[in-house]
Amino acid sequence: MTELEKLKHLLEHWIEHNDAHVKTYTEWAEKAGALGEKELAEILGKIAEESKKLEGLFSKAISRI
């Protein structure tokens, strides 16, 4: 396996890993909201949104390989 093939594999893994984190951030944002922690819930929601944007960058990197 070449270094670029390894990198492509890693990028694909990182997309999956990032998706799992986005789900966790979203779940905790909902939990924080249910606990009355509106500001915390909003922050966690923004973290989830920003993390989703990374998928596009990972995909763009993969397309270059």
PDB file of N, CA and C in Angstrom:
ATOM      1  N   MET A   1       0.849  -1.173   0.000  1.00  0.00           N
ATOM      2  CA  MET A   1       0.000   0.000   0.000  1.00  0.00           C
ATOM      3  C   MET A   1       0.896   1.239   0.000  1.00  0.00           C
ATOM      4  N   THR A   2       0.606   2.159  -0.922  1.00  0.00           N
ATOM      5  CA  THR A   2       1.401   3.383  -0.992  1.00  0.00           C
ATOM      6  C   THR A   2       0.990   4.345   0.126  1.00  0.00           C
ATOM      7  N   GLU A   3       1.796   5.357   0.310  1.00  0.00           N
ATOM      8  CA  GLU A   3       1.482   6.361   1.332  1.00  0.00           C
ATOM      9  C   GLU A   3       0.163   7.071   1.010  1.00  0.00           C
ATOM     10  N   LEU A   4      -0.080   7.348  -0.271  1.00  0.00           N
ATOM     11  CA  LEU A   4      -1.335   8.000  -0.643  1.00  0.00           C
ATOM     12  C   LEU A   4      -2.536   7.095  -0.404  1.00  0.00           C
ATOM     13  N   GLU A   5      -2.377   5.809  -0.647  1.00  0.00           N
ATOM     14  CA  GLU A   5      -3.459   4.861  -0.360  1.00  0.00           C
ATOM     15  C   GLU A   5      -3.741   4.816   1.144  1.00  0.00           C
ATOM     16  N   LYS A   6      -2.673   4.851   1.927  1.00  0.00           N
ATOM     17  CA  LYS A   6      -2.839   4.883   3.384  1.00  0.00           C
ATOM     18  C   LYS A   6      -3.583   6.142   3.816  1.00  0.00           C
ATOM     19  N   LEU A   7      -3.184   7.262   3.222  1.00  0.00           N
ATOM     20  CA  LEU A   7      -3.825   8.529   3.565  1.00  0.00           C
ATOM     21  C   LEU A   7      -5.304   8.509   3.188  1.00  0.00           C
ATOM     22  N   LYS A   8      -5.629   7.973   2.022  1.00  0.00           N
ATOM     23  CA  LYS A   8      -7.029   7.883   1.607  1.00  0.00           C
ATOM     24  C   LYS A   8      -7.823   7.045   2.610  1.00  0.00           C
ATOM     25  N   HIS A   9      -7.243   5.940   3.012  1.00  0.00           N
ATOM     26  CA  HIS A   9      -7.899   5.076   4.003  1.00  0.00           C
ATOM     27  C   HIS A   9      -8.112   5.836   5.318  1.00  0.00           C
ATOM     28  N   LEU A  10      -7.106   6.565   5.748  1.00  0.00           N
ATOM     29  CA  LEU A  10      -7.218   7.351   6.978  1.00  0.00           C
ATOM     30  C   LEU A  10      -8.303   8.415   6.860  1.00  0.00           C
ATOM     31  N   LEU A  11      -8.339   9.098   5.734  1.00  0.00           N
ATOM     32  CA  LEU A  11      -9.352  10.134   5.539  1.00  0.00           C
ATOM     33  C   LEU A  11     -10.755   9.550   5.594  1.00  0.00           C
ATOM     34  N   GLU A  12     -10.937   8.392   4.983  1.00  0.00           N
ATOM     35  CA  GLU A  12     -12.242   7.727   5.031  1.00  0.00           C
ATOM     36  C   GLU A  12     -12.602   7.364   6.472  1.00  0.00           C
ATOM     37  N   HIS A  13     -11.617   6.895   7.210  1.00  0.00           N
ATOM     38  CA  HIS A  13     -11.837   6.563   8.623  1.00  0.00           C
ATOM     39  C   HIS A  13     -12.179   7.822   9.418  1.00  0.00           C
ATOM     40  N   TRP A  14     -11.473   8.903   9.147  1.00  0.00           N
ATOM     41  CA  TRP A  14     -11.706  10.143   9.880  1.00  0.00           C
ATOM     42  C   TRP A  14     -13.107  10.692   9.622  1.00  0.00           C
ATOM     43  N   ILE A  15     -13.635  10.494   8.404  1.00  0.00           N
ATOM     44  CA  ILE A  15     -15.009  10.915   8.118  1.00  0.00           C
ATOM     45  C   ILE A  15     -15.967  10.160   9.028  1.00  0.00           C
ATOM     46  N   GLU A  16     -15.791   8.848   9.102  1.00  0.00           N
ATOM     47  CA  GLU A  16     -16.659   8.030   9.959  1.00  0.00           C
ATOM     48  C   GLU A  16     -16.522   8.446  11.427  1.00  0.00           C
ATOM     49  N   HIS A  17     -15.295   8.648  11.847  1.00  0.00           N
ATOM     50  CA  HIS A  17     -15.019   9.033  13.233  1.00  0.00           C
ATOM     51  C   HIS A  17     -15.656  10.393  13.538  1.00  0.00           C
ATOM     52  N   ASN A  18     -15.520  11.316  12.609  1.00  0.00           N
ATOM     53  CA  ASN A  18     -16.102  12.640  12.783  1.00  0.00           C
ATOM     54  C   ASN A  18     -17.622  12.557  12.868  1.00  0.00           C
ATOM     55  N   ASP A  19     -18.238  11.723  12.020  1.00  0.00           N
ATOM     56  CA  ASP A  19     -19.697  11.547  12.059  1.00  0.00           C
ATOM     57  C   ASP A  19     -20.152  11.064  13.433  1.00  0.00           C
ATOM     58  N   ALA A  20     -19.395  10.148  14.006  1.00  0.00           N
ATOM     59  CA  ALA A  20     -19.738   9.636  15.338  1.00  0.00           C
ATOM     60  C   ALA A  20     -19.669  10.758  16.370  1.00  0.00           C
ATOM     61  N   HIS A  21     -18.663  11.611  16.251  1.00  0.00           N
ATOM     62  CA  HIS A  21     -18.541  12.738  17.179  1.00  0.00           C
ATOM     63  C   HIS A  21     -19.698  13.715  17.010  1.00  0.00           C
ATOM     64  N   VAL A  22     -20.074  13.985  15.764  1.00  0.00           N
ATOM     65  CA  VAL A  22     -21.191  14.902  15.518  1.00  0.00           C
ATOM     66  C   VAL A  22     -22.455  14.391  16.202  1.00  0.00           C
ATOM     67  N   LYS A  23     -22.704  13.098  16.086  1.00  0.00           N
ATOM     68  CA  LYS A  23     -23.879  12.509  16.739  1.00  0.00           C
ATOM     69  C   LYS A  23     -23.808  12.683  18.254  1.00  0.00           C
ATOM     70  N   THR A  24     -22.639  12.468  18.821  1.00  0.00           N
ATOM     71  CA  THR A  24     -22.469  12.617  20.267  1.00  0.00           C
ATOM     72  C   THR A  24     -22.673  14.065  20.698  1.00  0.00           C
ATOM     73  N   TYR A  25     -22.091  15.012  19.951  1.00  0.00           N
ATOM     74  CA  TYR A  25     -22.261  16.426  20.292  1.00  0.00           C
ATOM     75  C   TYR A  25     -23.740  16.810  20.251  1.00  0.00           C
ATOM     76  N   THR A  26     -24.438  16.316  19.230  1.00  0.00           N
ATOM     77  CA  THR A  26     -25.862  16.624  19.080  1.00  0.00           C
ATOM     78  C   THR A  26     -26.673  16.042  20.232  1.00  0.00           C
ATOM     79  N   GLU A  27     -26.372  14.801  20.591  1.00  0.00           N
ATOM     80  CA  GLU A  27     -27.075  14.170  21.717  1.00  0.00           C
ATOM     81  C   GLU A  27     -26.877  14.970  23.001  1.00  0.00           C
ATOM     82  N   TRP A  28     -25.659  15.393  23.248  1.00  0.00           N
ATOM     83  CA  TRP A  28     -25.385  16.139  24.473  1.00  0.00           C
ATOM     84  C   TRP A  28     -25.962  17.543  24.419  1.00  0.00           C
ATOM     85  N   ALA A  29     -26.047  18.116  23.243  1.00  0.00           N
ATOM     86  CA  ALA A  29     -26.713  19.416  23.113  1.00  0.00           C
ATOM     87  C   ALA A  29     -28.179  19.282  23.504  1.00  0.00           C
ATOM     88  N   GLU A  30     -28.811  18.214  23.045  1.00  0.00           N
ATOM     89  CA  GLU A  30     -30.214  17.971  23.394  1.00  0.00           C
ATOM     90  C   GLU A  30     -30.374  17.730  24.895  1.00  0.00           C
ATOM     91  N   LYS A  31     -29.460  16.962  25.465  1.00  0.00           N
ATOM     92  CA  LYS A  31     -29.521  16.701  26.906  1.00  0.00           C
ATOM     93  C   LYS A  31     -29.336  17.994  27.700  1.00  0.00           C
ATOM     94  N   ALA A  32     -28.376  18.809  27.278  1.00  0.00           N
ATOM     95  CA  ALA A  32     -28.137  20.075  27.974  1.00  0.00           C
ATOM     96  C   ALA A  32     -29.373  20.966  27.880  1.00  0.00           C
ATOM     97  N   GLY A  33     -30.003  20.982  26.716  1.00  0.00           N
ATOM     98  CA  GLY A  33     -31.224  21.762  26.554  1.00  0.00           C
ATOM     99  C   GLY A  33     -32.332  21.279  27.467  1.00  0.00           C
ATOM    100  N   ALA A  34     -32.465  19.961  27.568  1.00  0.00           N
ATOM    101  CA  ALA A  34     -33.488  19.377  28.439  1.00  0.00           C
ATOM    102  C   ALA A  34     -33.227  19.694  29.911  1.00  0.00           C
ATOM    103  N   LEU A  35     -31.971  19.940  30.245  1.00  0.00           N
ATOM    104  CA  LEU A  35     -31.608  20.290  31.622  1.00  0.00           C
ATOM    105  C   LEU A  35     -31.735  21.788  31.884  1.00  0.00           C
ATOM    106  N   GLY A  36     -32.184  22.518  30.868  1.00  0.00           N
ATOM    107  CA  GLY A  36     -32.342  23.955  31.025  1.00  0.00           C
ATOM    108  C   GLY A  36     -31.084  24.757  30.748  1.00  0.00           C
ATOM    109  N   GLU A  37     -30.068  24.094  30.247  1.00  0.00           N
ATOM    110  CA  GLU A  37     -28.790  24.754  29.950  1.00  0.00           C
ATOM    111  C   GLU A  37     -28.791  25.214  28.490  1.00  0.00           C
ATOM    112  N   LYS A  38     -29.596  26.254  28.219  1.00  0.00           N
ATOM    113  CA  LYS A  38     -29.794  26.715  26.845  1.00  0.00           C
ATOM    114  C   LYS A  38     -28.491  27.155  26.175  1.00  0.00           C
ATOM    115  N   GLU A  39     -27.706  27.974  26.862  1.00  0.00           N
ATOM    116  CA  GLU A  39     -26.464  28.472  26.261  1.00  0.00           C
ATOM    117  C   GLU A  39     -25.500  27.324  25.971  1.00  0.00           C
ATOM    118  N   LEU A  40     -25.379  26.406  26.907  1.00  0.00           N
ATOM    119  CA  LEU A  40     -24.516  25.245  26.705  1.00  0.00           C
ATOM    120  C   LEU A  40     -25.016  24.410  25.529  1.00  0.00           C
ATOM    121  N   ALA A  41     -26.330  24.233  25.448  1.00  0.00           N
ATOM    122  CA  ALA A  41     -26.916  23.471  24.344  1.00  0.00           C
ATOM    123  C   ALA A  41     -26.608  24.130  23.004  1.00  0.00           C
ATOM    124  N   GLU A  42     -26.687  25.450  22.962  1.00  0.00           N
ATOM    125  CA  GLU A  42     -26.384  26.184  21.729  1.00  0.00           C
ATOM    126  C   GLU A  42     -24.922  26.027  21.336  1.00  0.00           C
ATOM    127  N   ILE A  43     -24.048  26.097  22.307  1.00  0.00           N
ATOM    128  CA  ILE A  43     -22.613  25.938  22.031  1.00  0.00           C
ATOM    129  C   ILE A  43     -22.336  24.544  21.481  1.00  0.00           C
ATOM    130  N   LEU A  44     -22.889  23.536  22.131  1.00  0.00           N
ATOM    131  CA  LEU A  44     -22.684  22.163  21.656  1.00  0.00           C
ATOM    132  C   LEU A  44     -23.286  21.967  20.270  1.00  0.00           C
ATOM    133  N   GLY A  45     -24.417  22.604  20.017  1.00  0.00           N
ATOM    134  CA  GLY A  45     -25.022  22.539  18.688  1.00  0.00           C
ATOM    135  C   GLY A  45     -24.123  23.156  17.632  1.00  0.00           C
ATOM    136  N   LYS A  46     -23.501  24.279  17.971  1.00  0.00           N
ATOM    137  CA  LYS A  46     -22.567  24.919  17.042  1.00  0.00           C
ATOM    138  C   LYS A  46     -21.342  24.047  16.807  1.00  0.00           C
ATOM    139  N   ILE A  47     -20.869  23.396  17.848  1.00  0.00           N
ATOM    140  CA  ILE A  47     -19.737  22.475  17.691  1.00  0.00           C
ATOM    141  C   ILE A  47     -20.112  21.375  16.709  1.00  0.00           C
ATOM    142  N   ALA A  48     -21.324  20.839  16.838  1.00  0.00           N
ATOM    143  CA  ALA A  48     -21.787  19.791  15.927  1.00  0.00           C
ATOM    144  C   ALA A  48     -21.846  20.317  14.495  1.00  0.00           C
ATOM    145  N   GLU A  49     -22.392  21.519  14.310  1.00  0.00           N
ATOM    146  CA  GLU A  49     -22.501  22.110  12.973  1.00  0.00           C
ATOM    147  C   GLU A  49     -21.127  22.313  12.339  1.00  0.00           C
ATOM    148  N   GLU A  50     -20.212  22.867  13.105  1.00  0.00           N
ATOM    149  CA  GLU A  50     -18.864  23.109  12.575  1.00  0.00           C
ATOM    150  C   GLU A  50     -18.164  21.796  12.241  1.00  0.00           C
ATOM    151  N   SER A  51     -18.383  20.793  13.062  1.00  0.00           N
ATOM    152  CA  SER A  51     -17.769  19.487  12.819  1.00  0.00           C
ATOM    153  C   SER A  51     -18.310  18.857  11.543  1.00  0.00           C
ATOM    154  N   LYS A  52     -19.595  19.076  11.252  1.00  0.00           N
ATOM    155  CA  LYS A  52     -20.185  18.549  10.016  1.00  0.00           C
ATOM    156  C   LYS A  52     -19.484  19.120   8.794  1.00  0.00           C
ATOM    157  N   LYS A  53     -19.065  20.372   8.889  1.00  0.00           N
ATOM    158  CA  LYS A  53     -18.384  21.024   7.772  1.00  0.00           C
ATOM    159  C   LYS A  53     -17.077  20.318   7.418  1.00  0.00           C
ATOM    160  N   LEU A  54     -16.469  19.685   8.391  1.00  0.00           N
ATOM    161  CA  LEU A  54     -15.206  18.986   8.145  1.00  0.00           C
ATOM    162  C   LEU A  54     -15.367  17.861   7.131  1.00  0.00           C
ATOM    163  N   GLU A  55     -16.550  17.249   7.087  1.00  0.00           N
ATOM    164  CA  GLU A  55     -16.765  16.149   6.146  1.00  0.00           C
ATOM    165  C   GLU A  55     -16.496  16.602   4.716  1.00  0.00           C
ATOM    166  N   GLY A  56     -16.919  17.805   4.386  1.00  0.00           N
ATOM    167  CA  GLY A  56     -16.667  18.334   3.049  1.00  0.00           C
ATOM    168  C   GLY A  56     -15.186  18.475   2.763  1.00  0.00           C
ATOM    169  N   LEU A  57     -14.442  18.911   3.755  1.00  0.00           N
ATOM    170  CA  LEU A  57     -12.992  19.046   3.573  1.00  0.00           C
ATOM    171  C   LEU A  57     -12.315  17.689   3.460  1.00  0.00           C
ATOM    172  N   PHE A  58     -12.762  16.729   4.281  1.00  0.00           N
ATOM    173  CA  PHE A  58     -12.217  15.377   4.163  1.00  0.00           C
ATOM    174  C   PHE A  58     -12.502  14.818   2.769  1.00  0.00           C
ATOM    175  N   SER A  59     -13.723  15.001   2.285  1.00  0.00           N
ATOM    176  CA  SER A  59     -14.102  14.495   0.963  1.00  0.00           C
ATOM    177  C   SER A  59     -13.293  15.178  -0.131  1.00  0.00           C
ATOM    178  N   LYS A  60     -13.075  16.470   0.024  1.00  0.00           N
ATOM    179  CA  LYS A  60     -12.263  17.212  -0.946  1.00  0.00           C
ATOM    180  C   LYS A  60     -10.838  16.666  -0.974  1.00  0.00           C
ATOM    181  N   ALA A  61     -10.305  16.371   0.201  1.00  0.00           N
ATOM    182  CA  ALA A  61      -8.953  15.799   0.272  1.00  0.00           C
ATOM    183  C   ALA A  61      -8.909  14.437  -0.407  1.00  0.00           C
ATOM    184  N   ILE A  62      -9.930  13.615  -0.168  1.00  0.00           N
ATOM    185  CA  ILE A  62      -9.980  12.288  -0.792  1.00  0.00           C
ATOM    186  C   ILE A  62     -10.015  12.417  -2.309  1.00  0.00           C
ATOM    187  N   SER A  63     -10.761  13.386  -2.814  1.00  0.00           N
ATOM    188  CA  SER A  63     -10.881  13.545  -4.269  1.00  0.00           C
ATOM    189  C   SER A  63      -9.560  13.933  -4.921  1.00  0.00           C
ATOM    190  N   ARG A  64      -8.637  14.432  -4.144  1.00  0.00           N
ATOM    191  CA  ARG A  64      -7.317  14.814  -4.667  1.00  0.00           C
ATOM    192  C   ARG A  64      -6.369  13.623  -4.786  1.00  0.00           C
ATOM    193  N   ILE A  65      -6.762  12.517  -4.192  1.00  0.00           N
ATOM    194  CA  ILE A  65      -5.875  11.343  -4.197  1.00  0.00           C
ATOM    195  C   ILE A  65      -6.210  10.460  -5.383  1.00  0.00           C
TER     196      ILE A  65
END
